[in-house]
C-alpha cells in the first residue's frame, strides 16, 4: 500500500511516533512501520554534541577581547525538549521540517555568550587573558546552573576555552609592555649578575688582602720572635761575657795574690838562705882556707877531685920539673 514505510533508528535517537496528535510509540533505537499520510515521527538525538563558538566581549577596563572555544552538551530529557522545539521529520524521514538543530545551537551559544559576558565583564584585561582556566570553570558552572537549559532538559558536559585574545592594537601594546618588562628583567639580571660578579671579585680581593695581612702579621710575629730570641741570646752572651770578665778579674786577682804570695815566699826563702849563709859564714870566719877547701871537697866525685888536683898542679907548674900521667888515666878521663 502506498505511504506505508518501515523505519529503524539508531540507539542514540529517541523517537516518538504520533498518530492523530497522540504518541503511540516512543523509545531509543526503536523500529516500526508507519503510515506517512496520517502519522508523524519526532527524532531527538541524545548523543553528545559539540558546538564551537567565537565572539567578542568587553572587559572591566573597556578592552575588547575575542573568546574562542567549544561546548559539549547532551539532551537528557527528550520528551521535555520536544514540547518546546520541533524535532518532527519530513515525510521522507531524512531531515527535519524546521531548522531545529540550528535553533538549538543558537540557544547553546546564547547561553555560553551570556555566561561569558557575565564572567569577563568583571575582570580587567590582564586577568581575562591570563586566567583562562579560571574563566572556563566559572562559565561552565554558570551553564550547568542555567535555568533555560535545565528547563529544556539539556546538560552541559564540558567546556573548552581555546583562546582569549585582545584586538591587534591592544595586543601590540601588551607585547610592547611585556617586551619592556622582559628587557627590564634582562637588564636587571645583567645588573644583578654584574653586581654579583663585582661582589664576588670584591670578596676574592678582600680574602687576598686578608691573606696578605695575615701573612705579613705572621712574618712580623716571626721577626719579633727572632728579634726577641736574638736579644735574649745577646743578653745571654753579654751576661756570659760579664761573668767571664768577672771570672777573669777574680782569676787575675787570684794570680796577683798568688804572685804576691810567691814573691813573699821567695823573699822569705831568700832571707832564710841569706840568714843561713850569714850564719855559716860567721861560723867559718877565721877558718883556714885549706880546711875550707878540704871541707868543700868532701862528698865530691872522682872527676871533680881529679879536676881540683890538676888545678892545684897548674898553680905550681913552675915548681914541677916533670909530670907523668898514665895513658889509662887519660883514656878514662876522656871517656867520661
C-alpha atoms as a PDB file:
ATOM      1  CA  UNK A   1       0.000   0.000   0.000  1.00  0.00           C
ATOM      2  CA  UNK A   2       1.390   3.426  -0.835  1.00  0.00           C
ATOM      3  CA  UNK A   3       2.568   5.589   2.146  1.00  0.00           C
ATOM      4  CA  UNK A   4       3.365   2.685   4.473  1.00  0.00           C
ATOM      5  CA  UNK A   5       7.067   2.657   5.365  1.00  0.00           C
ATOM      6  CA  UNK A   6       9.404   0.837   7.671  1.00  0.00           C
ATOM      7  CA  UNK A   7      11.717   2.891   9.908  1.00  0.00           C
ATOM      8  CA  UNK A   8      14.673   1.822  12.051  1.00  0.00           C
ATOM      9  CA  UNK A   9      16.592   4.275  14.246  1.00  0.00           C
ATOM     10  CA  UNK A  10      19.963   4.335  15.971  1.00  0.00           C
ATOM     11  CA  UNK A  11      20.324   3.733  19.739  1.00  0.00           C
ATOM     12  CA  UNK A  12      21.240   7.386  20.259  1.00  0.00           C
ATOM     13  CA  UNK A  13      17.995   8.576  18.689  1.00  0.00           C
ATOM     14  CA  UNK A  14      14.967   8.948  20.914  1.00  0.00           C
ATOM     15  CA  UNK A  15      11.893   8.547  18.702  1.00  0.00           C
ATOM     16  CA  UNK A  16       8.230   9.376  19.324  1.00  0.00           C
ATOM     17  CA  UNK A  17       5.576   8.233  16.803  1.00  0.00           C
ATOM     18  CA  UNK A  18       2.462  10.411  16.780  1.00  0.00           C
ATOM     19  CA  UNK A  19      -0.865   9.351  15.302  1.00  0.00           C
ATOM     20  CA  UNK A  20      -3.707  11.828  15.231  1.00  0.00           C
ATOM     21  CA  UNK A  21      -1.835  14.060  17.695  1.00  0.00           C
ATOM     22  CA  UNK A  22      -1.152  11.339  20.242  1.00  0.00           C
ATOM     23  CA  UNK A  23       2.060   9.393  20.893  1.00  0.00           C
ATOM     24  CA  UNK A  24       1.589   5.750  20.015  1.00  0.00           C
ATOM     25  CA  UNK A  25       5.215   4.569  20.260  1.00  0.00           C
ATOM     26  CA  UNK A  26       8.341   6.029  21.786  1.00  0.00           C
ATOM     27  CA  UNK A  27      11.809   4.943  22.810  1.00  0.00           C
ATOM     28  CA  UNK A  28      15.510   4.944  21.875  1.00  0.00           C
ATOM     29  CA  UNK A  29      16.673   2.982  18.829  1.00  0.00           C
ATOM     30  CA  UNK A  30      13.187   1.504  18.033  1.00  0.00           C
ATOM     31  CA  UNK A  31      11.905   0.352  14.647  1.00  0.00           C
ATOM     32  CA  UNK A  32       8.356   0.213  13.302  1.00  0.00           C
ATOM     33  CA  UNK A  33       6.021   0.502  10.329  1.00  0.00           C
ATOM     34  CA  UNK A  34       4.135   3.730   9.926  1.00  0.00           C
ATOM     35  CA  UNK A  35       1.725   5.429   7.588  1.00  0.00           C
ATOM     36  CA  UNK A  36       3.217   8.719   6.460  1.00  0.00           C
ATOM     37  CA  UNK A  37      -0.102  10.246   5.468  1.00  0.00           C
ATOM     38  CA  UNK A  38      -1.532  10.254   8.979  1.00  0.00           C
ATOM     39  CA  UNK A  39       1.451   9.687  11.292  1.00  0.00           C
ATOM     40  CA  UNK A  40       4.481  11.817  12.116  1.00  0.00           C
ATOM     41  CA  UNK A  41       7.853  10.988  13.636  1.00  0.00           C
ATOM     42  CA  UNK A  42       9.823  13.053  16.153  1.00  0.00           C
ATOM     43  CA  UNK A  43      13.526  12.173  16.387  1.00  0.00           C
ATOM     44  CA  UNK A  44      15.567  13.689  19.186  1.00  0.00           C
ATOM     45  CA  UNK A  45      19.321  12.992  19.205  1.00  0.00           C
ATOM     46  CA  UNK A  46      20.600  12.053  22.666  1.00  0.00           C
ATOM     47  CA  UNK A  47      24.282  11.681  21.850  1.00  0.00           C
ATOM     48  CA  UNK A  48      26.898  14.228  22.952  1.00  0.00           C
ATOM     49  CA  UNK A  49      27.186  17.193  20.606  1.00  0.00           C
ATOM     50  CA  UNK A  50      29.987  19.731  20.321  1.00  0.00           C
ATOM     51  CA  UNK A  51      29.332  23.319  19.421  1.00  0.00           C
ATOM     52  CA  UNK A  52      32.135  25.779  18.659  1.00  0.00           C
ATOM     53  CA  UNK A  53      31.816  29.454  19.388  1.00  0.00           C
ATOM     54  CA  UNK A  54      33.766  32.678  18.898  1.00  0.00           C
ATOM     55  CA  UNK A  55      32.546  36.107  19.961  1.00  0.00           C
ATOM     56  CA  UNK A  56      33.811  39.380  21.367  1.00  0.00           C
ATOM     57  CA  UNK A  57      33.363  40.645  24.898  1.00  0.00           C
ATOM     58  CA  UNK A  58      34.378  43.759  26.821  1.00  0.00           C
ATOM     59  CA  UNK A  59      36.488  43.541  29.968  1.00  0.00           C
ATOM     60  CA  UNK A  60      36.161  45.586  33.126  1.00  0.00           C
ATOM     61  CA  UNK A  61      38.647  48.172  31.792  1.00  0.00           C
ATOM     62  CA  UNK A  62      36.696  48.516  28.487  1.00  0.00           C
ATOM     63  CA  UNK A  63      39.028  46.424  26.371  1.00  0.00           C
ATOM     64  CA  UNK A  64      37.666  44.156  23.648  1.00  0.00           C
ATOM     65  CA  UNK A  65      38.710  40.513  23.674  1.00  0.00           C
ATOM     66  CA  UNK A  66      37.875  37.649  21.345  1.00  0.00           C
ATOM     67  CA  UNK A  67      36.907  34.398  23.026  1.00  0.00           C
ATOM     68  CA  UNK A  68      37.059  31.127  21.136  1.00  0.00           C
ATOM     69  CA  UNK A  69      36.153  27.667  22.351  1.00  0.00           C
ATOM     70  CA  UNK A  70      33.726  24.769  22.255  1.00  0.00           C
ATOM     71  CA  UNK A  71      30.961  23.388  24.455  1.00  0.00           C
ATOM     72  CA  UNK A  72      29.817  19.766  24.768  1.00  0.00           C
ATOM     73  CA  UNK A  73      26.157  19.173  25.646  1.00  0.00           C
ATOM     74  CA  UNK A  74      23.586  16.418  25.654  1.00  0.00           C
ATOM     75  CA  UNK A  75      19.781  16.208  25.692  1.00  0.00           C
ATOM     76  CA  UNK A  76      18.931  14.354  28.898  1.00  0.00           C
ATOM     77  CA  UNK A  77      15.115  14.623  28.696  1.00  0.00           C
ATOM     78  CA  UNK A  78      13.977  14.192  25.072  1.00  0.00           C
ATOM     79  CA  UNK A  79      10.255  14.351  25.857  1.00  0.00           C
ATOM     80  CA  UNK A  80      10.670  17.647  27.714  1.00  0.00           C
ATOM     81  CA  UNK A  81      12.589  19.364  24.900  1.00  0.00           C
ATOM     82  CA  UNK A  82      10.148  18.024  22.306  1.00  0.00           C
ATOM     83  CA  UNK A  83       7.474  20.215  23.863  1.00  0.00           C
ATOM     84  CA  UNK A  84       9.479  23.387  23.111  1.00  0.00           C
ATOM     85  CA  UNK A  85      11.362  22.579  19.918  1.00  0.00           C
ATOM     86  CA  UNK A  86      10.022  20.938  16.775  1.00  0.00           C
ATOM     87  CA  UNK A  87      12.035  17.773  16.047  1.00  0.00           C
ATOM     88  CA  UNK A  88       9.466  16.439  13.538  1.00  0.00           C
ATOM     89  CA  UNK A  89      10.904  14.674  10.500  1.00  0.00           C
ATOM     90  CA  UNK A  90       9.801  15.280   6.951  1.00  0.00           C
ATOM     91  CA  UNK A  91       7.694  12.569   5.237  1.00  0.00           C
ATOM     92  CA  UNK A  92      10.885  11.125   3.775  1.00  0.00           C
ATOM     93  CA  UNK A  93      12.181  10.728   7.401  1.00  0.00           C
ATOM     94  CA  UNK A  94      15.609  12.007   6.360  1.00  0.00           C
ATOM     95  CA  UNK A  95      15.575  15.613   7.625  1.00  0.00           C
ATOM     96  CA  UNK A  96      13.648  17.897   9.922  1.00  0.00           C
ATOM     97  CA  UNK A  97      10.828  20.040   8.691  1.00  0.00           C
ATOM     98  CA  UNK A  98      12.349  23.036  10.562  1.00  0.00           C
ATOM     99  CA  UNK A  99      15.821  24.309  11.431  1.00  0.00           C
ATOM    100  CA  UNK A 100      15.559  22.825  14.907  1.00  0.00           C
ATOM    101  CA  UNK A 101      19.233  21.892  15.247  1.00  0.00           C
ATOM    102  CA  UNK A 102      20.267  25.383  14.205  1.00  0.00           C
ATOM    103  CA  UNK A 103      17.876  26.843  16.761  1.00  0.00           C
ATOM    104  CA  UNK A 104      19.269  24.514  19.411  1.00  0.00           C
ATOM    105  CA  UNK A 105      22.794  25.593  18.515  1.00  0.00           C
ATOM    106  CA  UNK A 106      21.779  29.260  18.830  1.00  0.00           C
ATOM    107  CA  UNK A 107      20.301  28.634  22.263  1.00  0.00           C
ATOM    108  CA  UNK A 108      23.505  26.926  23.415  1.00  0.00           C
ATOM    109  CA  UNK A 109      25.698  29.704  22.010  1.00  0.00           C
ATOM    110  CA  UNK A 110      23.458  32.343  23.544  1.00  0.00           C
ATOM    111  CA  UNK A 111      23.736  30.694  26.947  1.00  0.00           C
ATOM    112  CA  UNK A 112      27.513  30.488  26.571  1.00  0.00           C
ATOM    113  CA  UNK A 113      27.684  34.142  25.456  1.00  0.00           C
ATOM    114  CA  UNK A 114      25.584  35.307  28.412  1.00  0.00           C
ATOM    115  CA  UNK A 115      27.720  33.379  30.914  1.00  0.00           C
ATOM    116  CA  UNK A 116      30.945  34.550  29.245  1.00  0.00           C
ATOM    117  CA  UNK A 117      29.830  38.177  29.294  1.00  0.00           C
ATOM    118  CA  UNK A 118      28.854  37.880  32.944  1.00  0.00           C
ATOM    119  CA  UNK A 119      32.305  36.494  33.793  1.00  0.00           C
ATOM    120  CA  UNK A 120      34.609  38.517  31.553  1.00  0.00           C
ATOM    121  CA  UNK A 121      32.959  41.875  32.257  1.00  0.00           C
ATOM    122  CA  UNK A 122      34.060  41.592  35.893  1.00  0.00           C
ATOM    123  CA  UNK A 123      37.735  41.084  35.032  1.00  0.00           C
ATOM    124  CA  UNK A 124      40.416  43.512  33.806  1.00  0.00           C
ATOM    125  CA  UNK A 125      42.172  42.795  30.544  1.00  0.00           C
ATOM    126  CA  UNK A 126      45.284  41.289  32.056  1.00  0.00           C
ATOM    127  CA  UNK A 127      43.285  38.853  34.195  1.00  0.00           C
ATOM    128  CA  UNK A 128      40.986  37.985  31.296  1.00  0.00           C
ATOM    129  CA  UNK A 129      43.829  36.920  29.009  1.00  0.00           C
ATOM    130  CA  UNK A 130      45.886  35.158  31.689  1.00  0.00           C
ATOM    131  CA  UNK A 131      43.236  33.342  33.763  1.00  0.00           C
ATOM    132  CA  UNK A 132      41.750  31.213  31.018  1.00  0.00           C
ATOM    133  CA  UNK A 133      41.250  28.115  33.145  1.00  0.00           C
ATOM    134  CA  UNK A 134      39.533  30.060  35.935  1.00  0.00           C
ATOM    135  CA  UNK A 135      37.240  31.772  33.421  1.00  0.00           C
ATOM    136  CA  UNK A 136      36.395  28.416  31.844  1.00  0.00           C
ATOM    137  CA  UNK A 137      35.396  26.953  35.230  1.00  0.00           C
ATOM    138  CA  UNK A 138      33.223  29.957  36.066  1.00  0.00           C
ATOM    139  CA  UNK A 139      31.399  29.799  32.712  1.00  0.00           C
ATOM    140  CA  UNK A 140      30.908  26.042  32.943  1.00  0.00           C
ATOM    141  CA  UNK A 141      29.453  26.238  36.443  1.00  0.00           C
ATOM    142  CA  UNK A 142      27.153  29.021  35.292  1.00  0.00           C
ATOM    143  CA  UNK A 143      25.977  26.962  32.277  1.00  0.00           C
ATOM    144  CA  UNK A 144      25.266  23.928  34.433  1.00  0.00           C
ATOM    145  CA  UNK A 145      23.055  26.118  36.621  1.00  0.00           C
ATOM    146  CA  UNK A 146      21.304  27.847  33.667  1.00  0.00           C
ATOM    147  CA  UNK A 147      17.542  27.689  34.189  1.00  0.00           C
ATOM    148  CA  UNK A 148      16.651  27.759  30.490  1.00  0.00           C
ATOM    149  CA  UNK A 149      18.908  24.830  29.629  1.00  0.00           C
ATOM    150  CA  UNK A 150      17.657  22.845  32.621  1.00  0.00           C
ATOM    151  CA  UNK A 151      14.064  23.670  31.591  1.00  0.00           C
ATOM    152  CA  UNK A 152      14.784  22.263  28.133  1.00  0.00           C
ATOM    153  CA  UNK A 153      16.404  19.145  29.600  1.00  0.00           C
ATOM    154  CA  UNK A 154      19.876  19.975  28.286  1.00  0.00           C
ATOM    155  CA  UNK A 155      23.025  19.368  30.354  1.00  0.00           C
ATOM    156  CA  UNK A 156      26.417  20.886  29.608  1.00  0.00           C
ATOM    157  CA  UNK A 157      29.076  18.173  29.884  1.00  0.00           C
ATOM    158  CA  UNK A 158      32.236  20.084  29.116  1.00  0.00           C
ATOM    159  CA  UNK A 159      33.540  23.477  28.114  1.00  0.00           C
ATOM    160  CA  UNK A 160      36.849  24.358  26.469  1.00  0.00           C
ATOM    161  CA  UNK A 161      38.313  27.825  26.073  1.00  0.00           C
ATOM    162  CA  UNK A 162      40.777  27.682  23.206  1.00  0.00           C
ATOM    163  CA  UNK A 163      41.861  31.274  23.410  1.00  0.00           C
ATOM    164  CA  UNK A 164      41.143  34.747  24.777  1.00  0.00           C
ATOM    165  CA  UNK A 165      42.855  37.343  22.626  1.00  0.00           C
ATOM    166  CA  UNK A 166      42.754  41.148  22.680  1.00  0.00           C
ATOM    167  CA  UNK A 167      42.466  43.207  19.485  1.00  0.00           C
ATOM    168  CA  UNK A 168      45.530  43.925  17.363  1.00  0.00           C
ATOM    169  CA  UNK A 169      46.311  47.355  18.829  1.00  0.00           C
ATOM    170  CA  UNK A 170      45.909  46.161  22.397  1.00  0.00           C
ATOM    171  CA  UNK A 171      47.952  43.040  21.651  1.00  0.00           C
ATOM    172  CA  UNK A 172      50.751  45.201  20.269  1.00  0.00           C
ATOM    173  CA  UNK A 173      50.619  47.419  23.343  1.00  0.00           C
ATOM    174  CA  UNK A 174      50.706  44.374  25.603  1.00  0.00           C
ATOM    175  CA  UNK A 175      53.555  42.921  23.569  1.00  0.00           C
ATOM    176  CA  UNK A 176      55.439  46.203  23.920  1.00  0.00           C
ATOM    177  CA  UNK A 177      54.753  46.248  27.657  1.00  0.00           C
ATOM    178  CA  UNK A 178      55.763  42.627  28.031  1.00  0.00           C
ATOM    179  CA  UNK A 179      58.813  43.267  25.868  1.00  0.00           C
ATOM    180  CA  UNK A 180      59.801  46.189  28.053  1.00  0.00           C
ATOM    181  CA  UNK A 181      59.311  44.061  31.154  1.00  0.00           C
ATOM    182  CA  UNK A 182      61.404  41.296  29.606  1.00  0.00           C
ATOM    183  CA  UNK A 183      64.093  43.791  28.609  1.00  0.00           C
ATOM    184  CA  UNK A 184      63.951  45.325  32.073  1.00  0.00           C
ATOM    185  CA  UNK A 185      64.166  41.865  33.617  1.00  0.00           C
ATOM    186  CA  UNK A 186      67.115  41.152  31.316  1.00  0.00           C
ATOM    187  CA  UNK A 187      68.763  44.424  32.336  1.00  0.00           C
ATOM    188  CA  UNK A 188      68.060  43.640  35.976  1.00  0.00           C
ATOM    189  CA  UNK A 189      69.539  40.187  35.502  1.00  0.00           C
ATOM    190  CA  UNK A 190      72.634  41.668  33.816  1.00  0.00           C
ATOM    191  CA  UNK A 191      72.865  44.280  36.565  1.00  0.00           C
ATOM    192  CA  UNK A 192      72.424  41.610  39.246  1.00  0.00           C
ATOM    193  CA  UNK A 193      74.992  39.387  37.533  1.00  0.00           C
ATOM    194  CA  UNK A 194      77.449  42.272  37.307  1.00  0.00           C
ATOM    195  CA  UNK A 195      76.817  43.161  40.916  1.00  0.00           C
ATOM    196  CA  UNK A 196      77.262  39.530  41.861  1.00  0.00           C
ATOM    197  CA  UNK A 197      80.487  39.386  39.842  1.00  0.00           C
ATOM    198  CA  UNK A 198      81.703  42.615  41.452  1.00  0.00           C
ATOM    199  CA  UNK A 199      80.711  41.330  44.880  1.00  0.00           C
ATOM    200  CA  UNK A 200      82.482  38.035  44.260  1.00  0.00           C
ATOM    201  CA  UNK A 201      85.560  39.855  42.963  1.00  0.00           C
ATOM    202  CA  UNK A 202      85.457  42.144  45.982  1.00  0.00           C
ATOM    203  CA  UNK A 203      85.148  39.105  48.215  1.00  0.00           C
ATOM    204  CA  UNK A 204      88.090  37.443  46.454  1.00  0.00           C
ATOM    205  CA  UNK A 205      90.203  40.587  46.734  1.00  0.00           C
ATOM    206  CA  UNK A 206      89.187  41.008  50.342  1.00  0.00           C
ATOM    207  CA  UNK A 207      90.209  37.419  51.006  1.00  0.00           C
ATOM    208  CA  UNK A 208      93.502  38.046  49.207  1.00  0.00           C
ATOM    209  CA  UNK A 209      94.088  41.213  51.247  1.00  0.00           C
ATOM    210  CA  UNK A 210      93.181  39.385  54.445  1.00  0.00           C
ATOM    211  CA  UNK A 211      95.528  36.583  53.471  1.00  0.00           C
ATOM    212  CA  UNK A 212      98.343  39.070  52.744  1.00  0.00           C
ATOM    213  CA  UNK A 213      97.672  40.851  56.030  1.00  0.00           C
ATOM    214  CA  UNK A 214      97.702  37.525  57.868  1.00  0.00           C
ATOM    215  CA  UNK A 215     100.950  36.569  56.126  1.00  0.00           C
ATOM    216  CA  UNK A 216     102.529  39.933  56.975  1.00  0.00           C
ATOM    217  CA  UNK A 217     101.355  39.651  60.570  1.00  0.00           C
ATOM    218  CA  UNK A 218     102.798  36.143  60.706  1.00  0.00           C
ATOM    219  CA  UNK A 219     106.060  37.379  59.235  1.00  0.00           C
ATOM    220  CA  UNK A 220     106.123  40.259  61.693  1.00  0.00           C
ATOM    221  CA  UNK A 221     105.390  37.847  64.541  1.00  0.00           C
ATOM    222  CA  UNK A 222     108.200  35.567  63.339  1.00  0.00           C
ATOM    223  CA  UNK A 223     110.571  38.540  63.030  1.00  0.00           C
ATOM    224  CA  UNK A 224     109.591  39.709  66.510  1.00  0.00           C
ATOM    225  CA  UNK A 225     110.226  36.217  67.830  1.00  0.00           C
ATOM    226  CA  UNK A 226     113.588  36.124  66.036  1.00  0.00           C
ATOM    227  CA  UNK A 227     114.436  39.580  67.384  1.00  0.00           C
ATOM    228  CA  UNK A 228     113.395  38.577  70.893  1.00  0.00           C
ATOM    229  CA  UNK A 229     115.396  35.364  70.567  1.00  0.00           C
ATOM    230  CA  UNK A 230     118.362  37.346  69.237  1.00  0.00           C
ATOM    231  CA  UNK A 231     118.034  39.886  72.022  1.00  0.00           C
ATOM    232  CA  UNK A 232     117.770  37.075  74.535  1.00  0.00           C
ATOM    233  CA  UNK A 233     120.825  35.398  73.037  1.00  0.00           C
ATOM    234  CA  UNK A 234     122.679  38.727  73.060  1.00  0.00           C
ATOM    235  CA  UNK A 235     121.681  39.259  76.663  1.00  0.00           C
ATOM    236  CA  UNK A 236     122.871  35.756  77.493  1.00  0.00           C
ATOM    237  CA  UNK A 237     126.127  36.400  75.658  1.00  0.00           C
ATOM    238  CA  UNK A 238     126.539  39.734  77.416  1.00  0.00           C
ATOM    239  CA  UNK A 239     125.776  38.057  80.691  1.00  0.00           C
ATOM    240  CA  UNK A 240     128.289  35.318  79.920  1.00  0.00           C
ATOM    241  CA  UNK A 241     130.845  37.958  78.925  1.00  0.00           C
ATOM    242  CA  UNK A 242     130.209  39.801  82.154  1.00  0.00           C
ATOM    243  CA  UNK A 243     130.579  36.543  84.048  1.00  0.00           C
ATOM    244  CA  UNK A 244     133.743  35.791  82.038  1.00  0.00           C
ATOM    245  CA  UNK A 245     135.097  39.274  82.784  1.00  0.00           C
ATOM    246  CA  UNK A 246     134.235  38.853  86.444  1.00  0.00           C
ATOM    247  CA  UNK A 247     135.876  35.413  86.366  1.00  0.00           C
ATOM    248  CA  UNK A 248     138.964  36.859  84.628  1.00  0.00           C
ATOM    249  CA  UNK A 249     139.128  39.672  87.170  1.00  0.00           C
ATOM    250  CA  UNK A 250     138.813  37.197  90.001  1.00  0.00           C
ATOM    251  CA  UNK A 251     141.424  34.959  88.314  1.00  0.00           C
ATOM    252  CA  UNK A 252     143.788  37.886  87.838  1.00  0.00           C
ATOM    253  CA  UNK A 253     143.231  38.857  91.450  1.00  0.00           C
ATOM    254  CA  UNK A 254     143.964  35.268  92.453  1.00  0.00           C
ATOM    255  CA  UNK A 255     147.046  35.257  90.215  1.00  0.00           C
ATOM    256  CA  UNK A 256     148.188  38.559  91.667  1.00  0.00           C
ATOM    257  CA  UNK A 257     147.605  37.250  95.150  1.00  0.00           C
ATOM    258  CA  UNK A 258     149.486  34.059  94.255  1.00  0.00           C
ATOM    259  CA  UNK A 259     152.330  36.085  92.683  1.00  0.00           C
ATOM    260  CA  UNK A 260     152.455  38.331  95.697  1.00  0.00           C
ATOM    261  CA  UNK A 261     152.385  35.279  97.939  1.00  0.00           C
ATOM    262  CA  UNK A 262     155.065  33.579  95.769  1.00  0.00           C
ATOM    263  CA  UNK A 263     157.191  36.722  95.874  1.00  0.00           C
ATOM    264  CA  UNK A 264     156.684  36.940  99.581  1.00  0.00           C
ATOM    265  CA  UNK A 265     157.617  33.280  99.901  1.00  0.00           C
ATOM    266  CA  UNK A 266     160.686  33.778  97.649  1.00  0.00           C
ATOM    267  CA  UNK A 267     161.724  36.845  99.645  1.00  0.00           C
ATOM    268  CA  UNK A 268     161.247  34.982 102.891  1.00  0.00           C
ATOM    269  CA  UNK A 269     163.133  31.996 101.477  1.00  0.00           C
ATOM    270  CA  UNK A 270     165.922  34.246 100.221  1.00  0.00           C
ATOM    271  CA  UNK A 271     166.061  35.939 103.579  1.00  0.00           C
ATOM    272  CA  UNK A 272     166.216  32.492 105.186  1.00  0.00           C
ATOM    273  CA  UNK A 273     169.015  31.396 102.833  1.00  0.00           C
ATOM    274  CA  UNK A 274     170.829  34.664 103.400  1.00  0.00           C
ATOM    275  CA  UNK A 275     170.479  34.243 107.112  1.00  0.00           C
ATOM    276  CA  UNK A 276     171.667  30.630 106.806  1.00  0.00           C
ATOM    277  CA  UNK A 277     174.591  31.718 104.668  1.00  0.00           C
ATOM    278  CA  UNK A 278     175.362  34.551 107.070  1.00  0.00           C
ATOM    279  CA  UNK A 279     175.314  32.149 109.971  1.00  0.00           C
ATOM    280  CA  UNK A 280     177.551  29.739 108.031  1.00  0.00           C
ATOM    281  CA  UNK A 281     179.983  32.483 107.106  1.00  0.00           C
ATOM    282  CA  UNK A 282     180.083  33.678 110.687  1.00  0.00           C
ATOM    283  CA  UNK A 283     180.780  30.073 111.749  1.00  0.00           C
ATOM    284  CA  UNK A 284     183.590  29.664 109.188  1.00  0.00           C
ATOM    285  CA  UNK A 285     185.014  33.079 109.755  1.00  0.00           C
ATOM    286  CA  UNK A 286     188.693  32.672 110.811  1.00  0.00           C
ATOM    287  CA  UNK A 287     188.982  29.104 109.460  1.00  0.00           C
ATOM    288  CA  UNK A 288     191.992  28.297 107.243  1.00  0.00           C
ATOM    289  CA  UNK A 289     191.230  28.216 103.566  1.00  0.00           C
ATOM    290  CA  UNK A 290     192.832  24.859 103.191  1.00  0.00           C
ATOM    291  CA  UNK A 291     190.446  23.484 105.691  1.00  0.00           C
ATOM    292  CA  UNK A 292     187.590  25.092 103.871  1.00  0.00           C
ATOM    293  CA  UNK A 293     188.829  23.566 100.664  1.00  0.00           C
ATOM    294  CA  UNK A 294     189.073  20.190 102.211  1.00  0.00           C
ATOM    295  CA  UNK A 295     185.574  20.576 103.610  1.00  0.00           C
ATOM    296  CA  UNK A 296     184.360  21.651 100.193  1.00  0.00           C
ATOM    297  CA  UNK A 297     185.913  18.612  98.563  1.00  0.00           C
ATOM    298  CA  UNK A 298     184.074  16.284 100.853  1.00  0.00           C
ATOM    299  CA  UNK A 299     181.438  14.353  99.001  1.00  0.00           C
ATOM    300  CA  UNK A 300     182.826  15.267  95.540  1.00  0.00           C
ATOM    301  CA  UNK A 301     183.014  12.550  92.834  1.00  0.00           C
ATOM    302  CA  UNK A 302     186.338  11.330  91.451  1.00  0.00           C
ATOM    303  CA  UNK A 303     186.224  13.518  88.357  1.00  0.00           C
ATOM    304  CA  UNK A 304     185.847  16.707  90.362  1.00  0.00           C
ATOM    305  CA  UNK A 305     188.599  15.594  92.677  1.00  0.00           C
ATOM    306  CA  UNK A 306     190.938  14.901  89.702  1.00  0.00           C
ATOM    307  CA  UNK A 307     189.953  18.309  88.247  1.00  0.00           C
ATOM    308  CA  UNK A 308     190.792  20.031  91.557  1.00  0.00           C
ATOM    309  CA  UNK A 309     194.099  18.122  91.692  1.00  0.00           C
ATOM    310  CA  UNK A 310     195.054  19.268  88.206  1.00  0.00           C
ATOM    311  CA  UNK A 311     194.073  22.817  89.192  1.00  0.00           C
ATOM    312  CA  UNK A 312     196.461  22.699  92.133  1.00  0.00           C
ATOM    313  CA  UNK A 313     199.179  21.285  89.883  1.00  0.00           C
ATOM    314  CA  UNK A 314     198.664  24.105  87.491  1.00  0.00           C
ATOM    315  CA  UNK A 315     199.138  26.659  90.233  1.00  0.00           C
ATOM    316  CA  UNK A 316     202.514  25.055  90.960  1.00  0.00           C
ATOM    317  CA  UNK A 317     203.518  24.353  87.399  1.00  0.00           C
ATOM    318  CA  UNK A 318     206.735  26.400  87.759  1.00  0.00           C
ATOM    319  CA  UNK A 319     207.949  24.215  90.569  1.00  0.00           C
ATOM    320  CA  UNK A 320     207.188  20.898  88.841  1.00  0.00           C
ATOM    321  CA  UNK A 321     210.038  19.560  86.815  1.00  0.00           C
ATOM    322  CA  UNK A 322     208.327  16.532  85.185  1.00  0.00           C
ATOM    323  CA  UNK A 323     204.782  15.157  85.403  1.00  0.00           C
ATOM    324  CA  UNK A 324     203.949  11.667  84.277  1.00  0.00           C
ATOM    325  CA  UNK A 325     200.287  10.809  83.534  1.00  0.00           C
ATOM    326  CA  UNK A 326     199.440   7.232  82.613  1.00  0.00           C
ATOM    327  CA  UNK A 327     197.515   6.544  79.407  1.00  0.00           C
ATOM    328  CA  UNK A 328     194.846   4.640  81.281  1.00  0.00           C
ATOM    329  CA  UNK A 329     194.021   7.722  83.366  1.00  0.00           C
ATOM    330  CA  UNK A 330     193.753   9.958  80.320  1.00  0.00           C
ATOM    331  CA  UNK A 331     191.637   7.417  78.464  1.00  0.00           C
ATOM    332  CA  UNK A 332     189.284   7.107  81.409  1.00  0.00           C
ATOM    333  CA  UNK A 333     189.009  10.907  81.762  1.00  0.00           C
ATOM    334  CA  UNK A 334     188.328  11.394  78.058  1.00  0.00           C
ATOM    335  CA  UNK A 335     185.635   8.702  78.008  1.00  0.00           C
ATOM    336  CA  UNK A 336     183.895  10.337  80.947  1.00  0.00           C
END
